Amino acid sequence: MAAIISGKELSARLKAEMAAQVATFPTKYGRVPHLAVILVGEDPGSVSYVTGKAKASAEVGIRNTTLRRPESITEAELLGLIAELNADPGVDGILVQLPLPRHIDEERVIAAIDRTKDVDGFHPMNVASLWQKQACTLPCTPKGIIKMLKTAGVEIAGREAVVIGRSNIVGLPVAKLLLDENATVTMTHSRTRDLGEVTRRADILVVAIGRPKFVTADMVREGAVVIDVGVNRDPETGRLCGDVDYAAVEPKAAVITPVPGGVGPMTICCLMENTIECFLARIER
Protein backbone atom coordinates (compact mmCIF):
# COMPACT_ATOMS: atom_id res chain seq x y z
CA MET A 1 0.00 0.00 0.00
CA ALA A 2 1.33 3.42 -0.98
CA ALA A 3 2.18 6.22 1.42
CA ILE A 4 -0.26 9.07 0.75
CA ILE A 5 1.01 12.65 0.59
CA SER A 6 -1.82 14.74 1.99
CA GLY A 7 -1.58 18.21 0.53
CA LYS A 8 -4.43 19.21 2.80
CA GLU A 9 -2.47 18.36 5.96
CA LEU A 10 0.83 19.78 4.71
CA SER A 11 -0.75 23.03 3.56
CA ALA A 12 -2.51 23.45 6.92
CA ARG A 13 0.81 23.14 8.71
CA LEU A 14 2.59 25.53 6.38
CA LYS A 15 -0.23 28.09 6.57
CA ALA A 16 -0.05 28.01 10.37
CA GLU A 17 3.68 28.78 10.14
CA MET A 18 3.00 31.62 7.71
CA ALA A 19 0.26 33.00 9.98
CA ALA A 20 2.75 33.20 12.84
CA GLN A 21 5.20 35.01 10.55
CA VAL A 22 2.61 37.47 9.20
CA ALA A 23 1.41 38.26 12.74
CA THR A 24 4.77 39.97 13.35
CA PHE A 25 4.55 42.18 10.26
CA PRO A 26 2.39 45.03 11.63
CA THR A 27 4.99 45.71 14.32
CA LYS A 28 7.95 45.22 11.96
CA TYR A 29 6.63 46.86 8.81
CA GLY A 30 3.42 48.67 9.72
CA ARG A 31 1.11 46.43 7.68
CA VAL A 32 0.48 42.95 6.32
CA PRO A 33 0.83 41.75 2.71
CA HIS A 34 -2.01 42.69 0.35
CA LEU A 35 -3.16 40.36 -2.44
CA ALA A 36 -5.49 41.73 -5.14
CA VAL A 37 -7.41 39.11 -7.14
CA ILE A 38 -9.28 40.01 -10.34
CA LEU A 39 -12.24 37.80 -11.24
CA VAL A 40 -13.83 38.34 -14.65
CA GLY A 41 -17.25 36.80 -15.13
CA GLU A 42 -19.04 34.17 -13.06
CA ASP A 43 -17.52 30.87 -14.17
CA PRO A 44 -18.33 28.47 -11.29
CA GLY A 45 -14.85 26.96 -11.24
CA SER A 46 -13.18 30.37 -11.17
CA VAL A 47 -15.53 31.62 -8.45
CA SER A 48 -14.70 28.55 -6.37
CA TYR A 49 -10.95 29.05 -6.81
CA VAL A 50 -11.14 32.73 -5.90
CA THR A 51 -13.22 31.93 -2.82
CA GLY A 52 -10.58 29.40 -1.76
CA LYS A 53 -7.84 31.99 -2.15
CA ALA A 54 -9.74 34.49 -0.03
CA LYS A 55 -10.24 31.86 2.67
CA ALA A 56 -6.55 30.94 2.69
CA SER A 57 -5.59 34.63 2.88
CA ALA A 58 -7.76 35.01 5.98
CA GLU A 59 -6.14 31.95 7.57
CA VAL A 60 -2.65 33.33 6.98
CA GLY A 61 -3.51 36.93 7.90
CA ILE A 62 -2.97 38.38 4.44
CA ARG A 63 -5.23 41.20 3.27
CA ASN A 64 -7.25 39.99 0.28
CA THR A 65 -9.21 42.18 -2.13
CA THR A 66 -11.31 40.48 -4.81
CA LEU A 67 -12.15 42.77 -7.71
CA ARG A 68 -15.12 41.35 -9.62
CA ARG A 69 -15.72 42.51 -13.15
CA PRO A 70 -18.39 41.45 -15.68
CA GLU A 71 -17.54 39.13 -18.54
CA SER A 72 -18.25 42.03 -20.89
CA ILE A 73 -15.24 44.02 -19.64
CA THR A 74 -13.01 45.12 -22.50
CA GLU A 75 -9.36 44.22 -22.69
CA ALA A 76 -8.46 47.90 -22.41
CA GLU A 77 -10.52 48.26 -19.22
CA LEU A 78 -8.87 45.19 -17.68
CA LEU A 79 -5.41 46.44 -18.59
CA GLY A 80 -6.32 49.79 -17.03
CA LEU A 81 -7.33 48.08 -13.78
CA ILE A 82 -4.03 46.18 -13.72
CA ALA A 83 -2.13 49.43 -14.29
CA GLU A 84 -3.89 50.95 -11.27
CA LEU A 85 -2.91 47.99 -9.10
CA ASN A 86 0.67 48.09 -10.40
CA ALA A 87 0.91 51.73 -9.33
CA ASP A 88 -0.68 51.17 -5.90
CA PRO A 89 2.10 50.94 -3.27
CA GLY A 90 -0.32 49.18 -0.91
CA VAL A 91 -0.75 46.19 -3.24
CA ASP A 92 1.96 43.54 -3.07
CA GLY A 93 0.50 40.78 -5.22
CA ILE A 94 -1.77 40.74 -8.27
CA LEU A 95 -3.55 37.67 -9.59
CA VAL A 96 -5.88 37.53 -12.58
CA GLN A 97 -8.02 34.41 -12.36
CA LEU A 98 -7.80 32.35 -15.54
CA PRO A 99 -9.33 31.53 -17.94
CA LEU A 100 -10.44 34.89 -19.29
CA PRO A 101 -13.22 35.50 -21.84
CA ARG A 102 -12.20 34.78 -25.42
CA HIS A 103 -12.13 38.43 -26.45
CA ILE A 104 -9.28 39.13 -24.02
CA ASP A 105 -5.66 38.20 -24.80
CA GLU A 106 -4.46 36.29 -21.73
CA GLU A 107 -0.78 36.63 -22.64
CA ARG A 108 -1.09 40.40 -22.91
CA VAL A 109 -2.87 40.58 -19.56
CA ILE A 110 -0.26 38.44 -17.80
CA ALA A 111 2.58 40.49 -19.29
CA ALA A 112 0.90 43.70 -18.07
CA ILE A 113 1.22 42.70 -14.41
CA ASP A 114 4.20 44.22 -12.62
CA ARG A 115 6.73 41.39 -12.49
CA THR A 116 7.44 42.12 -8.81
CA LYS A 117 3.71 41.67 -8.02
CA ASP A 118 3.23 38.55 -10.14
CA VAL A 119 2.33 36.03 -7.44
CA ASP A 120 1.37 33.36 -10.01
CA GLY A 121 4.87 33.32 -11.50
CA PHE A 122 3.44 33.57 -15.03
CA HIS A 123 5.03 36.85 -16.15
CA PRO A 124 7.38 36.29 -19.14
CA MET A 125 10.32 37.69 -17.18
CA ASN A 126 9.66 35.36 -14.25
CA VAL A 127 9.42 32.43 -16.66
CA ALA A 128 12.70 33.45 -18.31
CA SER A 129 14.40 33.78 -14.92
CA LEU A 130 13.21 30.31 -13.91
CA TRP A 131 14.87 28.77 -16.97
CA GLN A 132 18.04 30.82 -16.46
CA LYS A 133 18.32 29.82 -12.79
CA GLN A 134 17.83 33.40 -11.62
CA ALA A 135 15.81 34.61 -8.64
CA CYS A 136 12.10 34.76 -9.49
CA THR A 137 8.59 34.01 -8.30
CA LEU A 138 7.95 30.30 -8.89
CA PRO A 139 4.60 29.11 -10.28
CA CYS A 140 2.48 27.82 -7.44
CA THR A 141 1.59 24.27 -8.50
CA PRO A 142 5.13 23.18 -9.49
CA LYS A 143 6.50 24.81 -6.34
CA GLY A 144 3.96 22.89 -4.26
CA ILE A 145 4.84 19.60 -5.93
CA ILE A 146 8.52 19.94 -5.03
CA LYS A 147 7.57 20.79 -1.43
CA MET A 148 5.38 17.67 -1.27
CA LEU A 149 8.14 15.43 -2.58
CA LYS A 150 10.69 16.79 -0.14
CA THR A 151 8.32 16.62 2.82
CA ALA A 152 7.59 12.97 2.00
CA GLY A 153 11.32 12.26 2.00
CA VAL A 154 11.38 11.38 -1.68
CA GLU A 155 14.90 11.42 -3.09
CA ILE A 156 14.85 13.43 -6.30
CA ALA A 157 18.52 13.69 -7.25
CA GLY A 158 19.58 10.99 -9.66
CA ARG A 159 16.07 9.63 -10.07
CA GLU A 160 14.26 9.29 -13.39
CA ALA A 161 11.26 11.62 -13.51
CA VAL A 162 8.60 11.55 -16.22
CA VAL A 163 6.16 14.44 -16.67
CA ILE A 164 2.95 13.91 -18.64
CA GLY A 165 1.73 17.25 -19.96
CA ARG A 166 3.62 20.26 -21.31
CA SER A 167 1.55 23.26 -20.20
CA ASN A 168 3.19 26.54 -19.25
CA ILE A 169 1.41 26.41 -15.91
CA VAL A 170 2.47 22.94 -14.70
CA GLY A 171 4.26 20.60 -17.10
CA LEU A 172 7.12 22.77 -18.32
CA PRO A 173 7.95 24.51 -15.02
CA VAL A 174 7.74 21.34 -12.90
CA ALA A 175 10.12 19.65 -15.34
CA LYS A 176 12.57 22.53 -14.84
CA LEU A 177 12.27 22.39 -11.05
CA LEU A 178 12.89 18.63 -11.11
CA LEU A 179 15.95 19.26 -13.28
CA ASP A 180 17.14 21.83 -10.75
CA GLU A 181 16.85 19.10 -8.09
CA ASN A 182 19.12 16.92 -10.27
CA ALA A 183 16.51 14.48 -11.55
CA THR A 184 16.77 13.09 -15.07
CA VAL A 185 13.58 14.36 -16.68
CA THR A 186 11.57 13.12 -19.65
CA MET A 187 8.71 15.26 -20.97
CA THR A 188 5.77 13.42 -22.51
CA HIS A 189 2.46 14.52 -23.96
CA SER A 190 -0.52 13.49 -26.08
CA ARG A 191 1.65 12.70 -29.11
CA THR A 192 4.29 10.66 -27.31
CA ARG A 193 4.63 7.26 -28.91
CA ASP A 194 4.39 4.19 -26.65
CA LEU A 195 3.62 6.44 -23.68
CA GLY A 196 3.25 3.54 -21.27
CA GLU A 197 6.72 2.30 -22.13
CA VAL A 198 8.13 5.69 -21.16
CA THR A 199 6.08 6.12 -17.96
CA ARG A 200 7.03 2.64 -16.71
CA ARG A 201 10.62 3.86 -16.45
CA ALA A 202 9.68 6.61 -14.02
CA ASP A 203 10.83 6.67 -10.42
CA ILE A 204 8.76 9.86 -10.13
CA LEU A 205 5.70 10.30 -12.34
CA VAL A 206 3.98 13.71 -12.51
CA VAL A 207 0.66 13.66 -14.35
CA ALA A 208 -0.90 16.91 -15.59
CA ILE A 209 -2.73 16.06 -18.79
CA GLY A 210 -6.33 16.94 -17.84
CA ARG A 211 -7.95 13.60 -18.65
CA PRO A 212 -9.85 11.69 -15.97
CA LYS A 213 -8.16 8.43 -14.88
CA PHE A 214 -5.83 8.61 -17.88
CA VAL A 215 -2.92 6.85 -16.18
CA THR A 216 -3.74 3.22 -15.52
CA ALA A 217 -1.92 0.60 -13.47
CA ASP A 218 -0.10 -0.88 -16.46
CA MET A 219 1.56 2.53 -17.08
CA VAL A 220 3.20 2.67 -13.64
CA ARG A 221 6.12 0.62 -12.42
CA GLU A 222 6.10 -1.02 -9.01
CA GLY A 223 7.33 1.34 -6.29
CA ALA A 224 6.97 4.58 -8.26
CA VAL A 225 6.15 7.98 -6.77
CA VAL A 226 2.98 9.28 -8.45
CA ILE A 227 1.96 12.95 -8.32
CA ASP A 228 -1.53 13.58 -9.73
CA VAL A 229 -2.17 17.21 -10.69
CA GLY A 230 -5.46 16.65 -12.50
CA VAL A 231 -8.86 17.76 -11.26
CA ASN A 232 -11.67 16.25 -13.32
CA ARG A 233 -15.18 14.89 -13.05
CA ASP A 234 -15.44 11.12 -13.31
CA PRO A 235 -17.70 10.59 -16.36
CA GLU A 236 -19.30 7.58 -14.67
CA THR A 237 -19.89 8.86 -11.13
CA GLY A 238 -19.66 12.64 -11.50
CA ARG A 239 -17.25 12.76 -8.55
CA LEU A 240 -13.95 14.60 -8.51
CA CYS A 241 -11.05 12.52 -9.74
CA GLY A 242 -7.53 13.02 -10.97
CA ASP A 243 -5.63 12.16 -14.12
CA VAL A 244 -4.58 8.90 -12.43
CA ASP A 245 -6.82 5.89 -11.85
CA TYR A 246 -6.15 6.08 -8.12
CA ALA A 247 -7.81 2.81 -7.07
CA ALA A 248 -5.82 0.83 -9.63
CA VAL A 249 -2.47 2.63 -9.28
CA GLU A 250 -2.29 3.09 -5.49
CA PRO A 251 -1.44 -0.58 -4.75
CA LYS A 252 1.59 -0.40 -7.09
CA ALA A 253 2.93 3.00 -6.00
CA ALA A 254 5.30 3.67 -3.14
CA VAL A 255 3.99 7.22 -2.73
CA ILE A 256 0.91 8.83 -4.27
CA THR A 257 -1.17 12.01 -4.00
CA PRO A 258 -4.97 11.84 -3.77
CA VAL A 259 -7.58 13.91 -5.62
CA PRO A 260 -9.04 15.90 -3.98
CA GLY A 261 -6.76 16.80 -1.07
CA GLY A 262 -3.42 16.42 -2.82
CA VAL A 263 -1.72 18.97 -5.05
CA GLY A 264 -4.67 21.41 -5.05
CA PRO A 265 -4.33 22.67 -1.45
CA MET A 266 -0.58 23.09 -1.93
CA THR A 267 -1.14 25.33 -4.94
CA ILE A 268 -3.09 27.83 -2.83
CA CYS A 269 -0.61 27.43 0.02
CA CYS A 270 2.26 28.40 -2.29
CA LEU A 271 0.24 31.36 -3.55
CA MET A 272 0.18 32.62 0.04
CA GLU A 273 3.93 32.06 0.32
CA ASN A 274 4.56 33.90 -2.95
CA THR A 275 2.49 36.86 -1.74
CA ILE A 276 4.57 37.07 1.43
CA GLU A 277 7.78 36.81 -0.58
CA CYS A 278 6.67 39.62 -2.92
CA PHE A 279 5.75 41.76 0.08
CA LEU A 280 9.13 41.22 1.76
CA ALA A 281 11.02 41.90 -1.47
CA ARG A 282 9.14 45.19 -1.90
CA ILE A 283 9.82 46.17 1.71
CA GLU A 284 13.52 45.47 1.27
CA ARG A 285 13.68 47.61 -1.86
Foldseek 3Di string as FASTA:
>chain_A
DAAAQFLQVVLVVLLVVLLVVQVCCCVVPVHGAEEEEEEEACDPVLVVVVVVLCVSCVSSVYHYHYHYHYLPDAQVNLLVVLVVLQPDPRHLAYYYGDDHPPRHDPLVNLCSHDQLRHLQLLHPVSLVCLQVVHDGRAHQLLVLVVVSCVVVVHQLAAFEEEEEDDDPRHRVSNQSVSVVSHHHYDYHYPPDPPQLVVQQRGLEYEYDHQDFQQAAQSSHAAAHAYEFPAWDQDPVPRDTATPHPCVGNVVRYRYYYGPPRGSVSRSSSSSVVSSNVSVVVSVVD
